[in-house]
Amino acid sequence: RRIEFCAESRSGELAPVDCGGMWKQRLRWTLGWDQASLKHGGAFTDSGRLNCRARCGMVWTFLIRWLMTVLTVGSVYVGVPLTTLWPLSDAVWGKLITYLGRACIVMGSGPWLFATLEAMIQAPRRGRQGLVQVFFVFLVASPFGFAAFFCFNFLLQVTSCFKLSTGRVHGWEVTKRAPVARKGAAPPCKDGSRALSSAAERAGAEEDV
């Protein structure tokens, strides 16, 4: 049966209800990536049907991410504080490091600017929610948002490596998706359909897609 593209299709997922649930969810994802990388990393270079481009993509996606994490820690959280003591200039750091540092600043500011402009352009069509989105895009895409997001991912990576190296990976922790509904039938929705029953909602809250 042929598979065709449906532009009207939409897909969604319930977010975790609290920070603890989000941490468990993201940690489970990180553990899965690390386990798959450690188990199948050697197969990326073995002889098989994959061409060179596909192998390089697999190595980049699964293995180089660890190296990129270490490089980011060294360049951002070690290199940037050092520039407060020794300014980023040719006389102190040399032309190559100075050029690369300034290029990173420009390239890092580009996504921040373009993401904020895109949110501002789409704001009139989205109404009040668009204005809120502009603020959060401006905040999250900024260098401060990047630093906070990277710290969160770095903590996940360190926790995952610690659990894997010490054998503390136990069972599957299900992410709680929604508050437990009260007993009884759910009221009808505005469009005439009925909401999920309490049992179904409870099951959906415990199910992790």
N, C-alpha and C. Protein backbone atom coordinates (compact mmCIF):
# COMPACT_ATOMS: atom_id res chain seq x y z
N ARG A 1 0.84 -1.19 0.00
CA ARG A 1 0.00 0.00 0.00
C ARG A 1 0.88 1.25 0.00
N ARG A 2 0.58 2.19 -0.89
CA ARG A 2 1.40 3.40 -0.98
C ARG A 2 1.15 4.33 0.21
N ILE A 3 2.20 4.99 0.63
CA ILE A 3 2.11 5.97 1.72
C ILE A 3 2.22 7.35 1.10
N GLU A 4 1.23 8.18 1.32
CA GLU A 4 1.20 9.51 0.76
C GLU A 4 1.31 10.55 1.87
N PHE A 5 1.77 11.73 1.50
CA PHE A 5 1.90 12.83 2.44
C PHE A 5 0.55 13.49 2.67
N CYS A 6 0.20 13.70 3.91
CA CYS A 6 -1.06 14.36 4.27
C CYS A 6 -0.72 15.65 5.01
N ALA A 7 -0.90 16.78 4.32
CA ALA A 7 -0.53 18.07 4.91
C ALA A 7 -1.42 18.45 6.09
N GLU A 8 -2.64 17.88 6.15
CA GLU A 8 -3.57 18.24 7.22
C GLU A 8 -3.35 17.43 8.49
N SER A 9 -2.47 16.43 8.44
CA SER A 9 -2.27 15.58 9.62
C SER A 9 -1.56 16.34 10.73
N ARG A 10 -1.89 16.02 11.95
CA ARG A 10 -1.28 16.65 13.11
C ARG A 10 -0.96 15.57 14.14
N SER A 11 0.12 15.76 14.85
CA SER A 11 0.53 14.81 15.88
C SER A 11 0.89 15.58 17.14
N GLY A 12 0.48 15.06 18.27
CA GLY A 12 0.76 15.74 19.53
C GLY A 12 1.09 14.76 20.63
N GLU A 13 1.58 15.30 21.73
CA GLU A 13 1.96 14.46 22.86
C GLU A 13 1.78 15.26 24.14
N LEU A 14 1.27 14.63 25.18
CA LEU A 14 1.11 15.29 26.46
C LEU A 14 2.47 15.45 27.12
N ALA A 15 2.74 16.65 27.62
CA ALA A 15 4.01 16.92 28.29
C ALA A 15 3.97 16.40 29.72
N PRO A 16 5.13 16.13 30.32
CA PRO A 16 5.15 15.75 31.74
C PRO A 16 4.53 16.84 32.60
N VAL A 17 3.96 16.44 33.73
CA VAL A 17 3.21 17.39 34.55
C VAL A 17 4.09 18.22 35.46
N ASP A 18 5.32 17.79 35.72
CA ASP A 18 6.18 18.53 36.63
C ASP A 18 7.64 18.36 36.21
N CYS A 19 8.53 19.06 36.90
CA CYS A 19 9.96 19.02 36.56
C CYS A 19 10.54 17.63 36.82
N GLY A 20 10.07 16.96 37.88
CA GLY A 20 10.56 15.62 38.16
C GLY A 20 10.22 14.65 37.05
N GLY A 21 9.00 14.76 36.51
CA GLY A 21 8.61 13.91 35.41
C GLY A 21 9.42 14.19 34.16
N MET A 22 9.70 15.47 33.91
CA MET A 22 10.51 15.82 32.74
C MET A 22 11.93 15.28 32.88
N TRP A 23 12.50 15.37 34.09
CA TRP A 23 13.84 14.84 34.32
C TRP A 23 13.88 13.33 34.07
N LYS A 24 12.91 12.59 34.58
CA LYS A 24 12.87 11.14 34.37
C LYS A 24 12.73 10.80 32.90
N GLN A 25 11.88 11.56 32.20
CA GLN A 25 11.66 11.31 30.78
C GLN A 25 12.94 11.54 29.99
N ARG A 26 13.58 12.69 30.19
CA ARG A 26 14.79 13.02 29.44
C ARG A 26 15.96 12.11 29.84
N LEU A 27 16.02 11.71 31.10
CA LEU A 27 17.08 10.80 31.51
C LEU A 27 16.89 9.43 30.86
N ARG A 28 15.64 8.99 30.73
CA ARG A 28 15.38 7.72 30.06
C ARG A 28 15.80 7.79 28.60
N TRP A 29 15.53 8.92 27.96
CA TRP A 29 15.96 9.09 26.57
C TRP A 29 17.48 9.07 26.46
N THR A 30 18.15 9.78 27.36
CA THR A 30 19.62 9.83 27.32
C THR A 30 20.22 8.46 27.56
N LEU A 31 19.66 7.72 28.51
CA LEU A 31 20.14 6.36 28.76
C LEU A 31 19.96 5.49 27.52
N GLY A 32 18.84 5.63 26.84
CA GLY A 32 18.60 4.85 25.63
C GLY A 32 19.62 5.15 24.55
N TRP A 33 19.91 6.44 24.35
CA TRP A 33 20.91 6.83 23.36
C TRP A 33 22.28 6.26 23.72
N ASP A 34 22.66 6.39 24.98
CA ASP A 34 23.98 5.91 25.39
C ASP A 34 24.07 4.39 25.31
N GLN A 35 23.03 3.69 25.71
CA GLN A 35 23.05 2.23 25.63
C GLN A 35 23.14 1.76 24.18
N ALA A 36 22.36 2.40 23.29
CA ALA A 36 22.42 2.03 21.87
C ALA A 36 23.78 2.36 21.27
N SER A 37 24.37 3.48 21.67
CA SER A 37 25.67 3.86 21.14
C SER A 37 26.76 2.89 21.58
N LEU A 38 26.73 2.50 22.86
CA LEU A 38 27.73 1.59 23.36
C LEU A 38 27.56 0.18 22.79
N LYS A 39 26.33 -0.22 22.58
CA LYS A 39 26.07 -1.58 22.10
C LYS A 39 26.35 -1.74 20.61
N HIS A 40 25.98 -0.73 19.83
CA HIS A 40 26.06 -0.87 18.38
C HIS A 40 27.10 0.05 17.75
N GLY A 41 27.88 0.77 18.57
CA GLY A 41 28.86 1.70 18.02
C GLY A 41 29.88 1.02 17.12
N GLY A 42 30.30 -0.20 17.48
CA GLY A 42 31.28 -0.89 16.66
C GLY A 42 30.76 -1.30 15.30
N ALA A 43 29.44 -1.45 15.18
CA ALA A 43 28.86 -1.88 13.91
C ALA A 43 28.86 -0.77 12.87
N PHE A 44 29.08 0.48 13.30
CA PHE A 44 29.06 1.59 12.35
C PHE A 44 30.23 1.53 11.37
N THR A 45 31.30 0.88 11.77
CA THR A 45 32.48 0.79 10.90
C THR A 45 32.67 -0.61 10.33
N ASP A 46 31.81 -1.56 10.67
CA ASP A 46 31.94 -2.91 10.11
C ASP A 46 31.50 -2.95 8.66
N SER A 47 31.92 -3.99 7.97
CA SER A 47 31.51 -4.16 6.58
C SER A 47 30.02 -4.50 6.53
N GLY A 48 29.33 -3.91 5.61
CA GLY A 48 27.90 -4.14 5.47
C GLY A 48 27.35 -3.39 4.28
N ARG A 49 26.04 -3.14 4.30
CA ARG A 49 25.39 -2.51 3.16
C ARG A 49 25.45 -0.99 3.22
N LEU A 50 25.80 -0.40 4.35
CA LEU A 50 25.83 1.05 4.46
C LEU A 50 27.00 1.62 3.68
N ASN A 51 26.75 2.73 2.98
CA ASN A 51 27.83 3.40 2.28
C ASN A 51 28.60 4.30 3.23
N CYS A 52 29.64 4.94 2.74
CA CYS A 52 30.51 5.76 3.59
C CYS A 52 29.75 6.94 4.19
N ARG A 53 28.88 7.57 3.41
CA ARG A 53 28.12 8.72 3.91
C ARG A 53 27.20 8.31 5.05
N ALA A 54 26.53 7.16 4.91
CA ALA A 54 25.65 6.69 5.97
C ALA A 54 26.43 6.35 7.23
N ARG A 55 27.61 5.76 7.06
CA ARG A 55 28.42 5.42 8.23
C ARG A 55 28.89 6.68 8.97
N CYS A 56 29.32 7.67 8.19
CA CYS A 56 29.74 8.93 8.82
C CYS A 56 28.57 9.59 9.56
N GLY A 57 27.38 9.50 9.00
CA GLY A 57 26.21 10.06 9.67
C GLY A 57 25.89 9.34 10.97
N MET A 58 26.03 8.02 10.98
CA MET A 58 25.78 7.26 12.20
C MET A 58 26.82 7.58 13.28
N VAL A 59 28.09 7.68 12.86
CA VAL A 59 29.15 8.02 13.82
C VAL A 59 28.93 9.41 14.38
N TRP A 60 28.54 10.35 13.52
CA TRP A 60 28.31 11.72 13.97
C TRP A 60 27.13 11.78 14.94
N THR A 61 26.06 11.08 14.61
CA THR A 61 24.85 11.16 15.42
C THR A 61 25.02 10.49 16.78
N PHE A 62 25.66 9.33 16.81
CA PHE A 62 25.70 8.54 18.03
C PHE A 62 26.99 8.69 18.84
N LEU A 63 28.11 8.94 18.20
CA LEU A 63 29.39 8.91 18.91
C LEU A 63 30.03 10.28 19.07
N ILE A 64 30.00 11.10 18.02
CA ILE A 64 30.66 12.40 18.08
C ILE A 64 29.97 13.33 19.07
N ARG A 65 28.73 13.06 19.40
CA ARG A 65 28.00 13.93 20.35
C ARG A 65 28.69 13.98 21.70
N TRP A 66 29.34 12.88 22.12
CA TRP A 66 30.10 12.91 23.37
C TRP A 66 31.29 13.86 23.27
N LEU A 67 31.99 13.82 22.14
CA LEU A 67 33.12 14.72 21.94
C LEU A 67 32.66 16.17 21.87
N MET A 68 31.54 16.42 21.21
CA MET A 68 31.01 17.77 21.11
C MET A 68 30.61 18.32 22.47
N THR A 69 30.11 17.44 23.33
CA THR A 69 29.77 17.88 24.69
C THR A 69 31.00 18.34 25.44
N VAL A 70 32.08 17.56 25.34
CA VAL A 70 33.32 17.93 26.03
C VAL A 70 33.90 19.23 25.45
N LEU A 71 33.86 19.37 24.12
CA LEU A 71 34.37 20.59 23.49
C LEU A 71 33.55 21.81 23.90
N THR A 72 32.24 21.64 24.01
CA THR A 72 31.38 22.76 24.42
C THR A 72 31.68 23.19 25.84
N VAL A 73 31.87 22.22 26.73
CA VAL A 73 32.22 22.56 28.11
C VAL A 73 33.54 23.32 28.15
N GLY A 74 34.52 22.86 27.37
CA GLY A 74 35.81 23.53 27.37
C GLY A 74 35.79 24.91 26.76
N SER A 75 35.05 25.07 25.65
CA SER A 75 35.05 26.36 24.95
C SER A 75 34.15 27.39 25.60
N VAL A 76 32.98 26.97 26.08
CA VAL A 76 32.01 27.93 26.62
C VAL A 76 32.22 28.17 28.12
N TYR A 77 32.31 27.09 28.88
CA TYR A 77 32.33 27.24 30.33
C TYR A 77 33.74 27.35 30.91
N VAL A 78 34.75 27.17 30.07
CA VAL A 78 36.14 27.40 30.49
C VAL A 78 36.75 28.54 29.70
N GLY A 79 36.56 28.52 28.38
CA GLY A 79 37.16 29.54 27.54
C GLY A 79 36.58 30.92 27.75
N VAL A 80 35.25 31.03 27.83
CA VAL A 80 34.61 32.34 27.99
C VAL A 80 35.01 33.01 29.31
N PRO A 81 34.99 32.31 30.46
CA PRO A 81 35.47 32.97 31.68
C PRO A 81 36.93 33.42 31.60
N LEU A 82 37.75 32.69 30.86
CA LEU A 82 39.15 33.09 30.74
C LEU A 82 39.31 34.40 29.98
N THR A 83 38.37 34.68 29.07
CA THR A 83 38.45 35.94 28.32
C THR A 83 38.16 37.15 29.20
N THR A 84 37.58 36.95 30.37
CA THR A 84 37.41 38.07 31.30
C THR A 84 38.73 38.44 31.96
N LEU A 85 39.64 37.48 32.05
CA LEU A 85 40.98 37.75 32.61
C LEU A 85 41.96 38.17 31.53
N TRP A 86 41.89 37.47 30.39
CA TRP A 86 42.75 37.79 29.25
C TRP A 86 41.86 38.09 28.06
N PRO A 87 41.72 39.36 27.68
CA PRO A 87 40.78 39.74 26.60
C PRO A 87 41.07 38.99 25.29
N LEU A 88 40.00 38.81 24.52
CA LEU A 88 40.10 38.10 23.25
C LEU A 88 40.72 39.03 22.21
N SER A 89 42.03 38.98 22.08
CA SER A 89 42.76 39.83 21.14
C SER A 89 43.89 39.05 20.51
N ASP A 90 44.41 39.57 19.41
CA ASP A 90 45.48 38.89 18.70
C ASP A 90 46.74 38.79 19.55
N ALA A 91 47.01 39.83 20.34
CA ALA A 91 48.23 39.85 21.12
C ALA A 91 48.22 38.81 22.24
N VAL A 92 47.03 38.47 22.75
CA VAL A 92 46.94 37.53 23.88
C VAL A 92 46.73 36.11 23.39
N TRP A 93 45.76 35.90 22.49
CA TRP A 93 45.36 34.56 22.07
C TRP A 93 45.87 34.16 20.69
N GLY A 94 46.34 35.10 19.92
CA GLY A 94 46.75 34.79 18.56
C GLY A 94 45.60 35.03 17.59
N LYS A 95 45.93 35.15 16.31
CA LYS A 95 44.92 35.49 15.31
C LYS A 95 43.91 34.37 15.10
N LEU A 96 44.36 33.12 15.10
CA LEU A 96 43.44 32.02 14.82
C LEU A 96 42.37 31.88 15.89
N ILE A 97 42.78 31.83 17.16
CA ILE A 97 41.81 31.67 18.26
C ILE A 97 40.90 32.89 18.34
N THR A 98 41.46 34.08 18.12
CA THR A 98 40.64 35.30 18.16
C THR A 98 39.59 35.28 17.06
N TYR A 99 39.99 34.88 15.85
CA TYR A 99 39.05 34.82 14.74
C TYR A 99 37.97 33.78 14.98
N LEU A 100 38.35 32.59 15.47
CA LEU A 100 37.37 31.55 15.74
C LEU A 100 36.41 31.96 16.86
N GLY A 101 36.92 32.61 17.89
CA GLY A 101 36.06 33.06 18.98
C GLY A 101 35.02 34.07 18.52
N ARG A 102 35.45 35.03 17.72
CA ARG A 102 34.52 36.04 17.21
C ARG A 102 33.53 35.42 16.23
N ALA A 103 33.99 34.47 15.42
CA ALA A 103 33.08 33.80 14.49
C ALA A 103 32.02 33.02 15.24
N CYS A 104 32.39 32.36 16.35
CA CYS A 104 31.41 31.62 17.16
C CYS A 104 30.37 32.56 17.75
N ILE A 105 30.81 33.76 18.17
CA ILE A 105 29.86 34.73 18.73
C ILE A 105 28.85 35.15 17.67
N VAL A 106 29.33 35.42 16.46
CA VAL A 106 28.44 35.85 15.37
C VAL A 106 27.48 34.71 14.98
N MET A 107 28.03 33.51 14.82
CA MET A 107 27.19 32.37 14.42
C MET A 107 26.19 31.99 15.50
N GLY A 108 26.56 32.20 16.77
CA GLY A 108 25.62 31.93 17.85
C GLY A 108 24.50 32.96 17.93
N SER A 109 24.81 34.20 17.53
CA SER A 109 23.79 35.25 17.57
C SER A 109 22.82 35.15 16.39
N GLY A 110 23.25 34.52 15.29
CA GLY A 110 22.39 34.40 14.12
C GLY A 110 21.10 33.65 14.38
N PRO A 111 21.16 32.41 14.90
CA PRO A 111 19.91 31.69 15.21
C PRO A 111 19.02 32.42 16.20
N TRP A 112 19.63 33.10 17.17
CA TRP A 112 18.86 33.88 18.14
C TRP A 112 18.07 34.98 17.43
N LEU A 113 18.73 35.70 16.53
CA LEU A 113 18.07 36.79 15.81
C LEU A 113 16.98 36.27 14.88
N PHE A 114 17.30 35.25 14.08
CA PHE A 114 16.33 34.77 13.09
C PHE A 114 15.14 34.07 13.75
N ALA A 115 15.39 33.34 14.85
CA ALA A 115 14.28 32.70 15.55
C ALA A 115 13.33 33.73 16.15
N THR A 116 13.90 34.80 16.71
CA THR A 116 13.06 35.86 17.28
C THR A 116 12.29 36.59 16.20
N LEU A 117 12.92 36.86 15.06
CA LEU A 117 12.22 37.53 13.95
C LEU A 117 11.09 36.67 13.41
N GLU A 118 11.34 35.36 13.28
CA GLU A 118 10.28 34.47 12.80
C GLU A 118 9.09 34.46 13.75
N ALA A 119 9.37 34.44 15.06
CA ALA A 119 8.28 34.47 16.04
C ALA A 119 7.52 35.79 15.98
N MET A 120 8.22 36.89 15.75
CA MET A 120 7.56 38.19 15.65
C MET A 120 6.70 38.28 14.39
N ILE A 121 7.17 37.70 13.28
CA ILE A 121 6.38 37.72 12.04
C ILE A 121 5.11 36.89 12.19
N GLN A 122 5.20 35.77 12.90
CA GLN A 122 4.05 34.89 13.07
C GLN A 122 3.13 35.33 14.22
N ALA A 123 3.55 36.31 15.01
CA ALA A 123 2.77 36.71 16.18
C ALA A 123 1.37 37.21 15.84
N PRO A 124 1.18 38.06 14.81
CA PRO A 124 -0.19 38.52 14.52
C PRO A 124 -1.15 37.39 14.20
N ARG A 125 -0.67 36.38 13.53
CA ARG A 125 -1.55 35.26 13.16
C ARG A 125 -1.88 34.39 14.38
N ARG A 126 -1.00 34.36 15.38
CA ARG A 126 -1.20 33.51 16.54
C ARG A 126 -1.90 34.22 17.69
N GLY A 127 -2.07 35.54 17.57
CA GLY A 127 -2.78 36.27 18.60
C GLY A 127 -1.97 36.44 19.89
N ARG A 128 -2.66 36.37 21.02
CA ARG A 128 -2.01 36.58 22.31
C ARG A 128 -0.92 35.53 22.55
N GLN A 129 -1.17 34.31 22.12
CA GLN A 129 -0.19 33.26 22.29
C GLN A 129 1.09 33.58 21.51
N GLY A 130 0.95 34.29 20.38
CA GLY A 130 2.12 34.66 19.61
C GLY A 130 3.03 35.60 20.35
N LEU A 131 2.45 36.55 21.11
CA LEU A 131 3.27 37.47 21.90
C LEU A 131 4.03 36.74 22.99
N VAL A 132 3.37 35.79 23.62
CA VAL A 132 4.05 34.98 24.64
C VAL A 132 5.17 34.17 24.01
N GLN A 133 4.91 33.66 22.81
CA GLN A 133 5.91 32.85 22.13
C GLN A 133 7.13 33.69 21.75
N VAL A 134 6.92 34.93 21.35
CA VAL A 134 8.04 35.81 21.02
C VAL A 134 8.96 35.97 22.23
N PHE A 135 8.36 36.18 23.39
CA PHE A 135 9.16 36.35 24.60
C PHE A 135 9.97 35.10 24.92
N PHE A 136 9.33 33.93 24.85
CA PHE A 136 10.02 32.70 25.21
C PHE A 136 11.06 32.32 24.16
N VAL A 137 10.78 32.58 22.87
CA VAL A 137 11.79 32.31 21.85
C VAL A 137 13.00 33.22 22.04
N PHE A 138 12.74 34.50 22.33
CA PHE A 138 13.83 35.43 22.59
C PHE A 138 14.66 34.98 23.79
N LEU A 139 14.01 34.44 24.80
CA LEU A 139 14.72 34.02 26.01
C LEU A 139 15.45 32.70 25.80
N VAL A 140 14.77 31.71 25.22
CA VAL A 140 15.35 30.37 25.09
C VAL A 140 16.47 30.35 24.05
N ALA A 141 16.29 31.08 22.94
CA ALA A 141 17.30 31.08 21.88
C ALA A 141 18.48 31.99 22.18
N SER A 142 18.42 32.73 23.27
CA SER A 142 19.52 33.62 23.63
C SER A 142 20.70 32.83 24.16
N PRO A 143 21.88 33.44 24.28
CA PRO A 143 23.02 32.74 24.88
C PRO A 143 22.74 32.23 26.28
N PHE A 144 21.95 32.97 27.06
CA PHE A 144 21.61 32.52 28.40
C PHE A 144 20.72 31.28 28.36
N GLY A 145 19.76 31.27 27.42
CA GLY A 145 18.92 30.09 27.27
C GLY A 145 19.71 28.89 26.80
N PHE A 146 20.64 29.12 25.86
CA PHE A 146 21.50 28.03 25.40
C PHE A 146 22.34 27.48 26.55
N ALA A 147 22.89 28.38 27.37
CA ALA A 147 23.72 27.92 28.48
C ALA A 147 22.91 27.09 29.48
N ALA A 148 21.67 27.53 29.77
CA ALA A 148 20.83 26.78 30.70
C ALA A 148 20.43 25.44 30.12
N PHE A 149 20.07 25.42 28.84
CA PHE A 149 19.68 24.17 28.19
C PHE A 149 20.85 23.20 28.12
N PHE A 150 22.04 23.72 27.84
CA PHE A 150 23.21 22.84 27.78
C PHE A 150 23.55 22.28 29.16
N CYS A 151 23.43 23.10 30.20
CA CYS A 151 23.69 22.61 31.56
C CYS A 151 22.74 21.47 31.91
N PHE A 152 21.48 21.61 31.53
CA PHE A 152 20.50 20.56 31.78
C PHE A 152 20.89 19.28 31.06
N ASN A 153 21.24 19.38 29.77
CA ASN A 153 21.64 18.20 29.01
C ASN A 153 22.95 17.61 29.51
N PHE A 154 23.85 18.47 29.96
CA PHE A 154 25.13 17.97 30.48
C PHE A 154 24.91 17.17 31.76
N LEU A 155 24.02 17.64 32.63
CA LEU A 155 23.70 16.89 33.84
C LEU A 155 23.06 15.55 33.50
N LEU A 156 22.20 15.54 32.48
CA LEU A 156 21.60 14.28 32.03
C LEU A 156 22.68 13.32 31.54
N GLN A 157 23.63 13.85 30.78
CA GLN A 157 24.69 13.00 30.22
C GLN A 157 25.58 12.43 31.33
N VAL A 158 25.93 13.27 32.29
CA VAL A 158 26.76 12.80 33.41
C VAL A 158 26.02 11.75 34.23
N THR A 159 24.74 11.99 34.50
CA THR A 159 23.94 11.02 35.26
C THR A 159 23.80 9.71 34.51
N SER A 160 23.59 9.80 33.20
CA SER A 160 23.48 8.58 32.40
C SER A 160 24.77 7.78 32.43
N CYS A 161 25.91 8.43 32.24
CA CYS A 161 27.20 7.73 32.27
C CYS A 161 27.46 7.11 33.64
N PHE A 162 27.07 7.83 34.69
CA PHE A 162 27.27 7.30 36.04
C PHE A 162 26.42 6.05 36.27
N LYS A 163 25.15 6.11 35.84
CA LYS A 163 24.27 4.96 36.02
C LYS A 163 24.74 3.76 35.20
N LEU A 164 25.19 4.00 33.98
CA LEU A 164 25.63 2.90 33.14
C LEU A 164 26.93 2.29 33.66
N SER A 165 27.84 3.12 34.13
CA SER A 165 29.13 2.61 34.60
C SER A 165 29.03 1.89 35.93
N THR A 166 28.03 2.24 36.73
CA THR A 166 27.86 1.60 38.04
C THR A 166 26.77 0.53 38.05
N GLY A 167 26.13 0.31 36.90
CA GLY A 167 25.09 -0.71 36.82
C GLY A 167 23.83 -0.37 37.59
N ARG A 168 23.49 0.91 37.67
CA ARG A 168 22.31 1.34 38.43
C ARG A 168 21.10 1.62 37.53
N VAL A 169 21.11 1.07 36.34
CA VAL A 169 19.96 1.21 35.45
C VAL A 169 19.00 0.08 35.77
N HIS A 170 17.86 0.44 36.34
CA HIS A 170 16.90 -0.58 36.79
C HIS A 170 15.72 -0.66 35.81
N GLY A 171 14.54 -0.62 36.32
CA GLY A 171 13.36 -0.81 35.49
C GLY A 171 12.98 0.44 34.72
N TRP A 172 11.90 0.30 34.00
CA TRP A 172 11.35 1.38 33.17
C TRP A 172 10.50 2.30 34.03
N GLU A 173 10.90 3.56 34.15
CA GLU A 173 10.13 4.53 34.93
C GLU A 173 9.18 5.27 34.01
N VAL A 174 7.90 5.06 34.25
CA VAL A 174 6.88 5.65 33.39
C VAL A 174 6.69 7.12 33.73
N THR A 175 6.59 7.94 32.72
CA THR A 175 6.39 9.37 32.91
C THR A 175 4.92 9.67 33.14
N LYS A 176 4.63 10.38 34.18
CA LYS A 176 3.26 10.79 34.46
C LYS A 176 2.87 11.92 33.52
N ARG A 177 1.77 11.71 32.81
CA ARG A 177 1.39 12.64 31.75
C ARG A 177 0.31 13.63 32.13
N ALA A 178 -0.57 13.28 33.05
CA ALA A 178 -1.68 14.17 33.38
C ALA A 178 -2.13 13.88 34.80
N PRO A 179 -2.74 14.85 35.47
CA PRO A 179 -3.27 14.57 36.82
C PRO A 179 -4.32 13.48 36.79
N VAL A 180 -4.39 12.73 37.86
CA VAL A 180 -5.38 11.66 37.96
C VAL A 180 -6.77 12.29 38.00
N ALA A 181 -7.62 11.86 37.10
CA ALA A 181 -8.96 12.43 36.99
C ALA A 181 -9.86 11.92 38.12
N ARG A 182 -10.85 12.71 38.46
CA ARG A 182 -11.80 12.30 39.47
C ARG A 182 -12.71 11.20 38.94
N LYS A 183 -13.26 10.44 39.85
CA LYS A 183 -14.13 9.34 39.45
C LYS A 183 -15.43 9.88 38.86
N GLY A 184 -16.02 9.09 37.98
CA GLY A 184 -17.28 9.49 37.36
C GLY A 184 -17.10 9.77 35.90
N ALA A 185 -18.18 9.92 35.21
CA ALA A 185 -18.15 10.16 33.78
C ALA A 185 -17.66 11.57 33.50
N ALA A 186 -16.93 11.71 32.43
CA ALA A 186 -16.40 13.01 32.05
C ALA A 186 -17.48 13.82 31.36
N PRO A 187 -17.50 15.14 31.55
CA PRO A 187 -18.52 15.97 30.90
C PRO A 187 -18.26 16.06 29.41
N PRO A 188 -19.30 16.34 28.61
CA PRO A 188 -19.12 16.45 27.17
C PRO A 188 -18.29 17.68 26.81
N CYS A 189 -17.59 17.60 25.68
CA CYS A 189 -16.79 18.71 25.20
C CYS A 189 -17.67 19.71 24.45
N LYS A 190 -17.09 20.84 24.10
CA LYS A 190 -17.85 21.88 23.42
C LYS A 190 -18.29 21.45 22.02
N ASP A 191 -17.47 20.58 21.39
CA ASP A 191 -17.82 20.19 20.04
C ASP A 191 -18.81 19.04 19.99
N GLY A 192 -19.35 18.64 21.15
CA GLY A 192 -20.34 17.58 21.19
C GLY A 192 -19.78 16.23 21.54
N SER A 193 -18.45 16.02 21.39
CA SER A 193 -17.85 14.74 21.75
C SER A 193 -17.63 14.68 23.25
N ARG A 194 -17.41 13.49 23.74
CA ARG A 194 -17.19 13.33 25.17
C ARG A 194 -15.72 13.13 25.44
N ALA A 195 -15.27 13.66 26.57
CA ALA A 195 -13.87 13.50 26.96
C ALA A 195 -13.63 12.08 27.40
N LEU A 196 -12.40 11.73 27.58
CA LEU A 196 -12.06 10.40 28.02
C LEU A 196 -12.58 10.14 29.42
N SER A 197 -12.93 8.90 29.69
CA SER A 197 -13.36 8.56 31.03
C SER A 197 -12.18 8.61 31.98
N SER A 198 -12.46 8.58 33.28
CA SER A 198 -11.38 8.68 34.26
C SER A 198 -10.41 7.53 34.14
N ALA A 199 -10.92 6.33 33.85
CA ALA A 199 -10.02 5.18 33.70
C ALA A 199 -9.13 5.34 32.49
N ALA A 200 -9.72 5.82 31.38
CA ALA A 200 -8.92 6.01 30.18
C ALA A 200 -7.90 7.12 30.37
N GLU A 201 -8.31 8.20 31.06
CA GLU A 201 -7.37 9.28 31.32
C GLU A 201 -6.23 8.81 32.20
N ARG A 202 -6.57 7.99 33.20
CA ARG A 202 -5.53 7.49 34.08
C ARG A 202 -4.58 6.59 33.32
N ALA A 203 -5.12 5.79 32.40
CA ALA A 203 -4.27 4.93 31.60
C ALA A 203 -3.39 5.75 30.66
N GLY A 204 -3.99 6.81 30.10
CA GLY A 204 -3.19 7.67 29.21
C GLY A 204 -2.13 8.44 29.96
N ALA A 205 -2.40 8.76 31.23
CA ALA A 205 -1.41 9.46 32.03
C ALA A 205 -0.23 8.57 32.34
N GLU A 206 -0.48 7.27 32.44
CA GLU A 206 0.61 6.38 32.81
C GLU A 206 1.34 5.83 31.58
N GLU A 207 0.71 5.98 30.41
CA GLU A 207 1.32 5.42 29.21
C GLU A 207 2.37 6.39 28.67
N ASP A 208 3.50 5.88 28.27
CA ASP A 208 4.55 6.71 27.70
C ASP A 208 4.70 6.38 26.24
N VAL A 209 4.32 7.34 25.39
CA VAL A 209 4.36 7.09 23.96
C VAL A 209 5.80 7.20 23.47
